[in-house]
Amino acid sequence: MKSWKNLNLLILSCLISCSTNHKVAQEPHQFTKGTRAIASGTDFSARVVRKTLKRIFHSYLLGQVLLNDFDNILDKNPASAMDSESYSELQTIREIVDQSEESISEMYLMLVMVNALPEYSENQKANASEGLKNIEQFLDGTTSEHKAMPENLKHLILANLREKQIVVRDELKMISEDSSITQNNPEVVASFHKKMALLRGKKWKLFKGHNEYDVNEDDLNQVLNEQALDQDFKTFKSDVKRISKEMRKLNRIAKRNRTTSSDTIYPNAGSAGNITGSGFPANTWSITYDDGPGGKTTPTVLQNLKAHNMKATFFMLGKQVEGLPTTAKSVVDAGMDIASHSYDHAQLTKVGPIALEKQIGGAKKIIEAKLGKTIKLFRLPYGAGVSSSSIRAKIAEHGMVHIFWNVDTLDWQDKNPTSIFNRAVKQMKATSKNSGVVLFHDIHAQSVIASELLMDYFEEQKINVCSVQAVIDQLNKGLATCQQ
């Protein structure tokens, strides 16, 4: 989420003229073209909102089909699952859905401001109200065609967006308390509070009691059959397949790097600066968590790790550390490995030199300053950029080693902790030495439960569990075991 203190100035800049994009570009925080169009009050906004919501809807539907395909491959030939087209297409969808959900969160925040503040015209307010209505209907389980989602698919489609809307609610609270924006106008403050209450409201009841959530295949197939006639869905599937070809190449390159444990590991743009887990000592695993910290989820992860006397590696986003410094500091205080996952999860193969420095060097400085901890490890968002010499050189320039993974739980798509756990174990058993790096995300409730199940499994099987840095130290120093 972009800094709320800049939102009002940004909206005003947009309202001056729809063609003054160069003024927007000078702002420290930029919004999508669709969001700028909404702020300008054009009738284009409703179409942008509906198109973005539809993209989210299609992402999770196709994502579930691909997840089923991935699991089928895992059952038949587990060693080939992460080399499959299904896996690279899932990674592609992850990027698309992340960007779409972030855009919706930005749109919602800006539309609330346009609707609440008195300086906007009635036409602009009406336009904002229409956009808000579209988003709120979707959050209630209604598609852009005004059809109710099947009850059993709501959690699949809405869970991650719901988590992002909690952040929006917190942003609205801060805005409502800023007199420079509200001018202490009771009606304006009340308007913000109304939307905050709405985000806390009855729509979230559908997320309770889903610890063992399963997708109903009949419901899924019925919706897929309906969407098969939709040209937008056909185009979406084609786009995913086309984009995923590049992702598949990146996966192959990452897998080829570091297949032995004999080399010294250090910040480097070559194989010595990239770990996939395939070079780990036998019977040794590292649990890693991306995208956090999460305000409600990370503390429970820490409790679980403490109960199992285990250390994990947390690849944090600089933006999340800025927003949740106390939670982030608690990870340090628990003795965990702290690493960087960029500033705000941008796809780094698509940014320029200035943005690349912000995402790598800037994020490292923010995390180190906030937590008082030297950052030595980095993980590329989506794993994209492993084969890019400029990106890898930038990571090495800032004294960090890149960490990939050889077990992906796909916990962002799957909402069932048990199936997430089973997927992880199947991949682990397919490794040559029962060793490597497991990927979770500590921002999802299902991931908290699934990773605890894996901790139980590690204990039962008497498997060594160490942070990534501890394994690097073991390999570099030639130690018999990793030292926590």
Protein backbone atom coordinates (compact mmCIF):
# COMPACT_ATOMS: atom_id res chain seq x y z
CA MET A 1 0.00 0.00 0.00
CA LYS A 2 1.31 3.41 -0.91
CA SER A 3 1.87 6.07 1.76
CA TRP A 4 -1.50 7.55 2.74
CA LYS A 5 0.01 10.97 3.45
CA ASN A 6 0.55 11.50 -0.28
CA LEU A 7 -2.90 10.36 -1.41
CA ASN A 8 -4.79 13.65 -1.27
CA LEU A 9 -2.06 15.56 -3.10
CA LEU A 10 -1.90 12.80 -5.68
CA ILE A 11 -5.66 12.84 -6.26
CA LEU A 12 -5.64 16.61 -6.65
CA SER A 13 -2.84 16.36 -9.19
CA CYS A 14 -4.88 13.86 -11.17
CA LEU A 15 -7.98 16.03 -11.09
CA ILE A 16 -6.21 19.03 -12.63
CA SER A 17 -6.07 17.27 -15.99
CA CYS A 18 -6.35 13.70 -17.24
CA SER A 19 -3.34 14.35 -19.45
CA THR A 20 -0.88 15.56 -16.78
CA ASN A 21 0.63 12.16 -16.09
CA HIS A 22 4.08 13.72 -15.81
CA LYS A 23 2.96 15.49 -12.65
CA VAL A 24 1.83 12.23 -11.12
CA ALA A 25 5.13 10.60 -12.03
CA GLN A 26 6.97 13.15 -9.91
CA GLU A 27 5.15 12.03 -6.78
CA PRO A 28 7.16 9.71 -4.50
CA HIS A 29 4.42 7.07 -4.71
CA GLN A 30 2.82 6.23 -8.04
CA PHE A 31 -0.55 4.59 -8.67
CA THR A 32 -1.74 2.50 -11.56
CA LYS A 33 -3.19 4.15 -14.67
CA GLY A 34 -6.55 2.71 -13.73
CA THR A 35 -6.45 4.38 -10.32
CA ARG A 36 -5.49 7.72 -11.86
CA ALA A 37 -8.43 7.40 -14.24
CA ILE A 38 -10.76 6.79 -11.29
CA ALA A 39 -9.47 9.87 -9.51
CA SER A 40 -10.07 11.95 -12.64
CA GLY A 41 -13.76 11.16 -12.43
CA THR A 42 -14.12 9.66 -15.92
CA ASP A 43 -16.63 6.92 -16.68
CA PHE A 44 -13.61 4.73 -17.50
CA SER A 45 -13.21 4.01 -13.78
CA ALA A 46 -16.09 1.57 -13.37
CA ARG A 47 -14.78 -0.50 -16.27
CA VAL A 48 -11.27 -0.53 -14.77
CA VAL A 49 -12.59 -1.75 -11.42
CA ARG A 50 -14.74 -4.46 -12.99
CA LYS A 51 -11.93 -5.61 -15.27
CA THR A 52 -9.48 -5.88 -12.35
CA LEU A 53 -11.98 -7.76 -10.19
CA LYS A 54 -12.68 -10.16 -13.04
CA ARG A 55 -8.96 -10.76 -13.38
CA ILE A 56 -8.77 -11.76 -9.71
CA PHE A 57 -11.77 -14.06 -10.17
CA HIS A 58 -10.21 -15.73 -13.20
CA SER A 59 -6.81 -16.00 -11.50
CA TYR A 60 -8.04 -18.13 -8.62
CA LEU A 61 -10.26 -20.29 -10.82
CA LEU A 62 -7.44 -21.10 -13.23
CA GLY A 63 -5.01 -21.29 -10.31
CA GLN A 64 -7.08 -24.07 -8.72
CA VAL A 65 -7.11 -26.04 -11.98
CA LEU A 66 -3.34 -25.70 -12.23
CA LEU A 67 -2.89 -26.60 -8.55
CA ASN A 68 -4.84 -29.82 -9.18
CA ASP A 69 -2.63 -30.51 -12.20
CA PHE A 70 0.50 -29.87 -10.13
CA ASP A 71 -0.67 -32.24 -7.41
CA ASN A 72 -1.44 -34.95 -9.98
CA ILE A 73 2.07 -34.62 -11.40
CA LEU A 74 3.43 -34.74 -7.85
CA ASP A 75 1.66 -38.05 -7.26
CA LYS A 76 2.94 -39.62 -10.48
CA ASN A 77 6.44 -38.17 -10.82
CA PRO A 78 7.27 -35.87 -7.88
CA ALA A 79 10.76 -34.98 -9.09
CA SER A 80 9.31 -33.34 -12.22
CA ALA A 81 6.54 -31.27 -10.58
CA MET A 82 8.51 -28.03 -10.25
CA ASP A 83 9.72 -28.36 -13.85
CA SER A 84 6.17 -28.63 -15.16
CA GLU A 85 4.17 -26.12 -17.16
CA SER A 86 1.56 -26.13 -14.40
CA TYR A 87 4.10 -24.85 -11.87
CA SER A 88 5.40 -22.03 -14.07
CA GLU A 89 1.82 -21.02 -14.89
CA LEU A 90 0.99 -20.95 -11.17
CA GLN A 91 3.94 -18.64 -10.58
CA THR A 92 2.68 -16.39 -13.37
CA ILE A 93 -0.80 -16.28 -11.86
CA ARG A 94 0.69 -15.41 -8.47
CA GLU A 95 2.27 -12.30 -9.96
CA ILE A 96 -0.93 -11.32 -11.79
CA VAL A 97 -3.15 -11.77 -8.75
CA ASP A 98 -0.74 -9.89 -6.47
CA GLN A 99 -0.74 -6.89 -8.78
CA SER A 100 -4.51 -7.01 -9.27
CA GLU A 101 -5.27 -7.25 -5.55
CA GLU A 102 -2.86 -4.42 -4.78
CA SER A 103 -4.55 -2.30 -7.45
CA ILE A 104 -7.98 -2.97 -5.96
CA SER A 105 -6.73 -1.97 -2.52
CA GLU A 106 -5.29 1.25 -3.91
CA MET A 107 -8.48 1.94 -5.86
CA TYR A 108 -10.67 1.38 -2.83
CA LEU A 109 -8.62 3.73 -0.68
CA MET A 110 -8.62 6.48 -3.27
CA LEU A 111 -12.31 6.07 -4.10
CA VAL A 112 -13.21 6.42 -0.41
CA MET A 113 -11.26 9.68 -0.29
CA VAL A 114 -12.92 11.05 -3.44
CA ASN A 115 -16.31 10.08 -2.03
CA ALA A 116 -15.65 11.63 1.39
CA LEU A 117 -13.78 14.88 0.77
CA PRO A 118 -15.81 18.01 -0.09
CA GLU A 119 -13.43 19.33 -2.79
CA TYR A 120 -14.61 16.79 -5.36
CA SER A 121 -17.60 17.37 -7.66
CA GLU A 122 -20.87 15.50 -7.50
CA ASN A 123 -19.99 13.76 -10.75
CA GLN A 124 -16.68 12.60 -9.31
CA LYS A 125 -18.38 11.42 -6.14
CA ALA A 126 -20.99 9.51 -8.12
CA ASN A 127 -18.24 7.89 -10.15
CA ALA A 128 -16.36 6.95 -6.96
CA SER A 129 -19.53 5.53 -5.42
CA GLU A 130 -20.05 3.27 -8.43
CA GLY A 131 -16.48 1.99 -8.17
CA LEU A 132 -16.85 1.37 -4.43
CA LYS A 133 -20.09 -0.49 -5.02
CA ASN A 134 -18.39 -2.80 -7.52
CA ILE A 135 -15.57 -3.63 -5.09
CA GLU A 136 -17.89 -4.11 -2.10
CA GLN A 137 -20.18 -6.41 -4.07
CA PHE A 138 -17.19 -8.51 -5.06
CA LEU A 139 -16.03 -8.70 -1.44
CA ASP A 140 -19.53 -9.89 -0.54
CA GLY A 141 -19.18 -12.73 -3.06
CA THR A 142 -20.74 -11.28 -6.22
CA THR A 143 -18.92 -11.35 -9.54
CA SER A 144 -18.69 -8.41 -11.91
CA GLU A 145 -21.65 -9.93 -13.80
CA HIS A 146 -23.64 -9.60 -10.54
CA LYS A 147 -23.80 -13.37 -10.08
CA ALA A 148 -23.27 -14.83 -6.63
CA MET A 149 -20.13 -16.92 -6.28
CA PRO A 150 -20.78 -20.52 -5.20
CA GLU A 151 -20.54 -20.56 -1.41
CA ASN A 152 -17.82 -23.18 -1.43
CA LEU A 153 -15.56 -21.10 -3.72
CA LYS A 154 -15.78 -17.82 -1.83
CA HIS A 155 -12.90 -18.57 0.51
CA LEU A 156 -10.73 -19.64 -2.43
CA ILE A 157 -11.33 -16.40 -4.33
CA LEU A 158 -11.65 -13.85 -1.56
CA ALA A 159 -9.33 -14.91 1.27
CA ASN A 160 -6.15 -13.13 0.12
CA LEU A 161 -8.00 -9.99 -0.96
CA ARG A 162 -9.73 -9.94 2.41
CA GLU A 163 -6.32 -9.92 4.11
CA LYS A 164 -5.28 -6.92 2.02
CA GLN A 165 -8.52 -5.08 2.86
CA ILE A 166 -7.63 -5.30 6.55
CA VAL A 167 -4.59 -3.20 5.69
CA VAL A 168 -6.86 -0.77 3.83
CA ARG A 169 -9.00 -0.46 6.94
CA ASP A 170 -5.94 0.48 8.99
CA GLU A 171 -4.95 3.04 6.34
CA LEU A 172 -8.45 4.56 6.51
CA LYS A 173 -8.15 4.83 10.28
CA MET A 174 -4.91 6.81 9.96
CA ILE A 175 -6.43 9.09 7.33
CA SER A 176 -9.53 9.72 9.45
CA GLU A 177 -7.26 10.86 12.29
CA ASP A 178 -5.25 13.28 10.11
CA SER A 179 -6.78 16.75 10.48
CA SER A 180 -4.77 18.05 7.52
CA ILE A 181 -6.94 15.80 5.34
CA THR A 182 -10.28 15.77 7.19
CA GLN A 183 -10.12 19.41 8.38
CA ASN A 184 -11.89 17.98 11.44
CA ASN A 185 -15.09 17.87 9.39
CA PRO A 186 -17.46 15.50 11.25
CA GLU A 187 -19.14 14.37 8.02
CA VAL A 188 -15.81 13.50 6.41
CA VAL A 189 -14.62 11.58 9.47
CA ALA A 190 -17.96 9.76 9.67
CA SER A 191 -17.66 8.77 6.01
CA PHE A 192 -14.26 7.17 6.65
CA HIS A 193 -15.55 5.41 9.76
CA LYS A 194 -18.52 4.04 7.82
CA LYS A 195 -16.21 2.35 5.32
CA MET A 196 -13.97 1.07 8.12
CA ALA A 197 -17.01 -0.51 9.78
CA LEU A 198 -18.05 -2.02 6.47
CA LEU A 199 -14.66 -3.74 6.11
CA ARG A 200 -15.12 -5.20 9.58
CA GLY A 201 -18.66 -6.27 8.83
CA LYS A 202 -20.70 -9.33 8.07
CA LYS A 203 -18.95 -10.21 4.81
CA TRP A 204 -16.00 -11.66 6.74
CA LYS A 205 -18.10 -14.26 8.56
CA LEU A 206 -17.69 -16.59 5.60
CA PHE A 207 -14.00 -16.97 6.46
CA LYS A 208 -14.60 -18.56 9.84
CA GLY A 209 -14.30 -22.30 10.34
CA HIS A 210 -12.27 -23.01 7.21
CA ASN A 211 -9.19 -24.59 8.76
CA GLU A 212 -9.84 -27.71 6.70
CA TYR A 213 -11.28 -25.93 3.66
CA ASP A 214 -11.68 -27.97 0.49
CA VAL A 215 -12.75 -26.72 -2.93
CA ASN A 216 -15.94 -28.38 -4.11
CA GLU A 217 -15.02 -29.83 -7.50
CA ASP A 218 -18.62 -29.73 -8.78
CA ASP A 219 -18.90 -26.02 -7.98
CA LEU A 220 -15.51 -25.36 -9.55
CA ASN A 221 -16.33 -27.25 -12.74
CA GLN A 222 -19.69 -25.53 -13.09
CA VAL A 223 -18.09 -22.09 -12.89
CA LEU A 224 -15.28 -23.14 -15.25
CA ASN A 225 -17.82 -24.35 -17.80
CA GLU A 226 -19.57 -21.00 -17.61
CA GLN A 227 -16.32 -19.07 -17.95
CA ALA A 228 -15.20 -21.19 -20.90
CA LEU A 229 -17.60 -19.16 -23.03
CA ASP A 230 -16.18 -15.86 -21.77
CA GLN A 231 -13.70 -14.29 -24.18
CA ASP A 232 -11.93 -12.54 -21.30
CA PHE A 233 -11.25 -15.89 -19.64
CA LYS A 234 -9.96 -17.36 -22.90
CA THR A 235 -7.63 -14.40 -23.34
CA PHE A 236 -6.50 -14.65 -19.72
CA LYS A 237 -5.57 -18.32 -20.10
CA SER A 238 -3.60 -17.55 -23.26
CA ASP A 239 -1.76 -14.69 -21.56
CA VAL A 240 -0.81 -16.89 -18.61
CA LYS A 241 0.52 -19.63 -20.87
CA ARG A 242 2.53 -17.15 -22.94
CA ILE A 243 4.08 -15.33 -19.97
CA SER A 244 4.80 -18.56 -18.10
CA LYS A 245 7.23 -19.74 -20.79
CA GLU A 246 9.79 -17.21 -19.55
CA MET A 247 9.12 -18.20 -15.94
CA ARG A 248 9.80 -21.82 -16.82
CA LYS A 249 13.17 -20.89 -18.29
CA LEU A 250 14.05 -19.05 -15.07
CA ASN A 251 13.11 -22.09 -12.98
CA ARG A 252 15.38 -24.32 -15.02
CA ILE A 253 18.29 -21.91 -14.67
CA ALA A 254 17.75 -21.63 -10.91
CA LYS A 255 17.65 -25.40 -10.55
CA ARG A 256 20.92 -25.82 -12.44
CA ASN A 257 22.74 -23.49 -10.05
CA ARG A 258 24.41 -24.93 -6.96
CA THR A 259 23.96 -28.69 -7.21
CA THR A 260 26.84 -29.52 -4.85
CA SER A 261 27.86 -28.40 -1.38
CA SER A 262 31.59 -28.22 -2.01
CA ASP A 263 31.89 -24.57 -3.03
CA THR A 264 32.15 -21.59 -0.71
CA ILE A 265 28.92 -19.58 -0.61
CA TYR A 266 29.29 -15.79 -0.71
CA PRO A 267 27.68 -12.72 -2.35
CA ASN A 268 28.29 -13.33 -6.02
CA ALA A 269 26.42 -13.01 -9.32
CA GLY A 270 27.33 -16.61 -10.21
CA SER A 271 26.45 -19.98 -8.73
CA ALA A 272 28.33 -19.29 -5.48
CA GLY A 273 25.81 -16.54 -4.72
CA ASN A 274 22.64 -18.55 -5.32
CA ILE A 275 21.28 -21.42 -3.22
CA THR A 276 18.37 -23.62 -4.27
CA GLY A 277 18.49 -26.10 -1.41
CA SER A 278 19.78 -28.91 -3.62
CA GLY A 279 23.27 -28.47 -2.14
CA PHE A 280 22.16 -28.79 1.49
CA PRO A 281 23.65 -31.51 3.72
CA ALA A 282 21.63 -34.72 3.93
CA ASN A 283 18.59 -34.80 6.24
CA THR A 284 18.68 -31.02 6.73
CA TRP A 285 15.88 -28.57 5.96
CA SER A 286 15.27 -24.84 6.29
CA ILE A 287 11.77 -23.45 6.77
CA THR A 288 11.40 -20.06 5.09
CA TYR A 289 8.57 -17.52 5.21
CA ASP A 290 8.01 -14.80 2.59
CA ASP A 291 6.04 -11.52 2.35
CA GLY A 292 5.79 -10.73 6.07
CA PRO A 293 5.66 -9.88 8.72
CA GLY A 294 1.93 -10.40 9.15
CA GLY A 295 0.38 -8.65 12.11
CA LYS A 296 -1.98 -11.46 13.13
CA THR A 297 -0.12 -14.47 11.72
CA THR A 298 3.62 -14.02 12.33
CA PRO A 299 3.32 -13.99 16.16
CA THR A 300 1.65 -17.43 16.04
CA VAL A 301 4.37 -18.75 13.71
CA LEU A 302 6.95 -17.59 16.26
CA GLN A 303 5.08 -19.34 19.07
CA ASN A 304 5.03 -22.56 17.06
CA LEU A 305 8.75 -22.36 16.28
CA LYS A 306 9.56 -21.74 19.94
CA ALA A 307 7.43 -24.70 21.02
CA HIS A 308 9.39 -26.93 18.62
CA ASN A 309 12.77 -25.35 19.46
CA MET A 310 13.33 -24.54 15.78
CA LYS A 311 14.73 -21.57 13.87
CA ALA A 312 13.40 -20.35 10.53
CA THR A 313 14.32 -17.70 7.97
CA PHE A 314 11.92 -14.78 7.39
CA PHE A 315 12.21 -13.01 4.03
CA MET A 316 10.58 -9.70 4.91
CA LEU A 317 9.32 -6.89 2.71
CA GLY A 318 10.72 -3.48 3.58
CA LYS A 319 7.24 -2.01 3.31
CA GLN A 320 5.86 -4.51 5.82
CA VAL A 321 8.70 -3.81 8.25
CA GLU A 322 7.91 -0.09 8.03
CA GLY A 323 4.23 -0.76 8.72
CA LEU A 324 4.70 -3.40 11.42
CA PRO A 325 8.03 -2.61 13.11
CA THR A 326 7.04 -4.14 16.46
CA THR A 327 6.04 -7.44 14.88
CA ALA A 328 9.19 -7.45 12.75
CA LYS A 329 11.33 -6.78 15.83
CA SER A 330 9.69 -9.70 17.63
CA VAL A 331 11.06 -11.99 14.90
CA VAL A 332 14.57 -10.71 15.63
CA ASP A 333 14.03 -11.05 19.38
CA ALA A 334 13.00 -14.68 18.85
CA GLY A 335 16.44 -15.36 17.35
CA MET A 336 15.20 -15.99 13.83
CA ASP A 337 17.07 -15.48 10.58
CA ILE A 338 16.07 -12.13 9.00
CA ALA A 339 16.37 -11.68 5.24
CA SER A 340 15.06 -9.33 2.55
CA HIS A 341 12.37 -10.04 -0.03
CA SER A 342 12.57 -6.56 -1.68
CA TYR A 343 10.70 -3.42 -0.69
CA ASP A 344 7.19 -4.18 -1.95
CA HIS A 345 7.36 -7.44 -3.93
CA ALA A 346 7.86 -5.88 -7.35
CA GLN A 347 8.76 -8.14 -10.26
CA LEU A 348 12.38 -7.01 -10.53
CA THR A 349 12.89 -8.03 -14.15
CA LYS A 350 10.37 -5.31 -15.05
CA VAL A 351 11.86 -2.32 -13.21
CA GLY A 352 14.54 0.21 -14.13
CA PRO A 353 17.88 0.84 -12.40
CA ILE A 354 16.55 3.36 -9.84
CA ALA A 355 13.66 1.14 -8.80
CA LEU A 356 15.97 -1.88 -8.71
CA GLU A 357 18.24 -0.11 -6.24
CA LYS A 358 15.24 0.79 -4.08
CA GLN A 359 13.95 -2.78 -4.11
CA ILE A 360 17.30 -4.33 -3.21
CA GLY A 361 19.60 -1.79 -1.58
CA GLY A 362 16.83 0.44 -0.24
CA ALA A 363 14.89 -2.43 1.29
CA LYS A 364 18.03 -3.74 2.97
CA LYS A 365 18.75 -0.34 4.54
CA ILE A 366 15.18 -0.02 5.81
CA ILE A 367 15.12 -3.48 7.38
CA GLU A 368 18.55 -3.06 8.95
CA ALA A 369 17.70 0.39 10.33
CA LYS A 370 14.39 -0.76 11.79
CA LEU A 371 15.62 -4.05 13.23
CA GLY A 372 19.30 -3.43 13.99
CA LYS A 373 20.26 -6.58 12.15
CA THR A 374 22.67 -7.04 9.23
CA ILE A 375 20.88 -8.55 6.25
CA LYS A 376 22.89 -11.18 4.39
CA LEU A 377 20.20 -13.02 2.42
CA PHE A 378 17.79 -11.98 -0.34
CA ARG A 379 14.98 -13.71 -2.19
CA LEU A 380 13.67 -12.38 -5.49
CA PRO A 381 9.89 -11.91 -5.65
CA TYR A 382 8.46 -14.81 -7.68
CA GLY A 383 12.04 -16.03 -8.04
CA ALA A 384 12.24 -13.88 -11.17
CA GLY A 385 15.67 -12.50 -12.07
CA VAL A 386 17.92 -15.39 -11.07
CA SER A 387 19.43 -15.45 -14.57
CA SER A 388 19.73 -11.66 -14.88
CA SER A 389 23.36 -10.60 -14.44
CA SER A 390 22.40 -7.02 -13.51
CA ILE A 391 19.91 -8.10 -10.86
CA ARG A 392 22.19 -10.73 -9.39
CA ALA A 393 25.10 -8.26 -9.41
CA LYS A 394 22.96 -5.75 -7.51
CA ILE A 395 22.12 -8.36 -4.86
CA ALA A 396 25.82 -9.24 -4.51
CA GLU A 397 26.81 -5.56 -4.47
CA HIS A 398 24.76 -5.15 -1.31
CA GLY A 399 26.47 -8.11 0.34
CA MET A 400 23.65 -10.63 0.03
CA VAL A 401 23.34 -14.21 -1.21
CA HIS A 402 20.22 -15.14 -3.18
CA ILE A 403 18.08 -17.95 -1.76
CA PHE A 404 15.75 -19.98 -3.99
CA TRP A 405 13.80 -23.06 -2.85
CA ASN A 406 13.29 -26.67 -3.87
CA VAL A 407 9.94 -27.21 -2.11
CA ASP A 408 7.04 -24.85 -2.85
CA THR A 409 3.97 -25.35 -0.68
CA LEU A 410 1.84 -23.11 -2.96
CA ASP A 411 0.12 -21.94 0.21
CA TRP A 412 -1.07 -18.69 -1.42
CA GLN A 413 -3.46 -20.61 -3.71
CA ASP A 414 -4.38 -23.51 -1.43
CA LYS A 415 -6.48 -22.70 1.65
CA ASN A 416 -6.33 -26.17 3.20
CA PRO A 417 -3.50 -26.62 5.74
CA THR A 418 -3.51 -30.40 5.45
CA SER A 419 -3.11 -30.47 1.66
CA ILE A 420 -0.40 -27.78 1.90
CA PHE A 421 1.48 -29.99 4.37
CA ASN A 422 1.02 -33.11 2.24
CA ARG A 423 2.27 -31.26 -0.84
CA ALA A 424 5.41 -30.21 1.00
CA VAL A 425 6.18 -33.72 2.25
CA LYS A 426 5.73 -35.28 -1.20
CA GLN A 427 8.23 -32.82 -2.67
CA MET A 428 10.66 -33.36 0.20
CA LYS A 429 10.62 -37.12 -0.27
CA ALA A 430 11.50 -36.62 -3.94
CA THR A 431 14.81 -34.89 -3.12
CA SER A 432 17.98 -36.94 -3.43
CA LYS A 433 19.24 -36.27 0.11
CA ASN A 434 16.03 -35.35 1.94
CA SER A 435 17.28 -31.78 2.26
CA GLY A 436 16.66 -28.25 1.09
CA VAL A 437 14.54 -25.12 1.45
CA VAL A 438 10.76 -25.05 2.02
CA LEU A 439 8.76 -21.99 0.95
CA PHE A 440 5.84 -20.70 3.06
CA HIS A 441 4.24 -17.26 3.47
CA ASP A 442 3.68 -16.07 7.04
CA ILE A 443 0.83 -13.75 6.04
CA HIS A 444 -1.77 -16.50 5.52
CA ALA A 445 -3.72 -18.26 8.28
CA GLN A 446 -3.56 -21.60 6.46
CA SER A 447 0.23 -21.30 6.26
CA VAL A 448 0.52 -20.93 10.02
CA ILE A 449 -1.29 -24.23 10.56
CA ALA A 450 0.44 -26.05 7.69
CA SER A 451 3.93 -25.04 8.79
CA GLU A 452 3.20 -26.25 12.33
CA LEU A 453 2.20 -29.61 10.88
CA LEU A 454 5.55 -29.68 9.10
CA MET A 455 7.35 -28.86 12.36
CA ASP A 456 5.62 -31.86 13.97
CA TYR A 457 6.73 -34.01 11.03
CA PHE A 458 10.34 -32.86 11.33
CA GLU A 459 10.34 -33.80 15.02
CA GLU A 460 8.77 -37.20 14.40
CA GLN A 461 11.23 -38.02 11.61
CA LYS A 462 14.23 -36.66 13.55
CA ILE A 463 15.15 -34.31 10.70
CA ASN A 464 17.62 -31.46 11.24
CA VAL A 465 16.00 -28.05 10.97
CA CYS A 466 18.21 -24.96 10.74
CA SER A 467 17.95 -21.44 9.43
CA VAL A 468 19.38 -20.82 5.96
CA GLN A 469 22.29 -18.81 7.36
CA ALA A 470 23.16 -21.60 9.79
CA VAL A 471 23.36 -24.07 6.88
CA ILE A 472 25.52 -21.65 4.87
CA ASP A 473 27.86 -21.35 7.85
CA GLN A 474 27.96 -25.14 8.16
CA LEU A 475 28.89 -25.58 4.51
CA ASN A 476 31.44 -22.75 4.46
CA LYS A 477 33.15 -23.89 7.66
CA GLY A 478 32.97 -27.61 6.94
CA LEU A 479 31.02 -28.34 10.13
CA ALA A 480 29.40 -31.71 10.77
CA THR A 481 26.04 -30.09 11.61
CA CYS A 482 24.44 -26.66 11.49
CA GLN A 483 24.84 -24.61 14.66
CA GLN A 484 21.88 -22.50 15.81
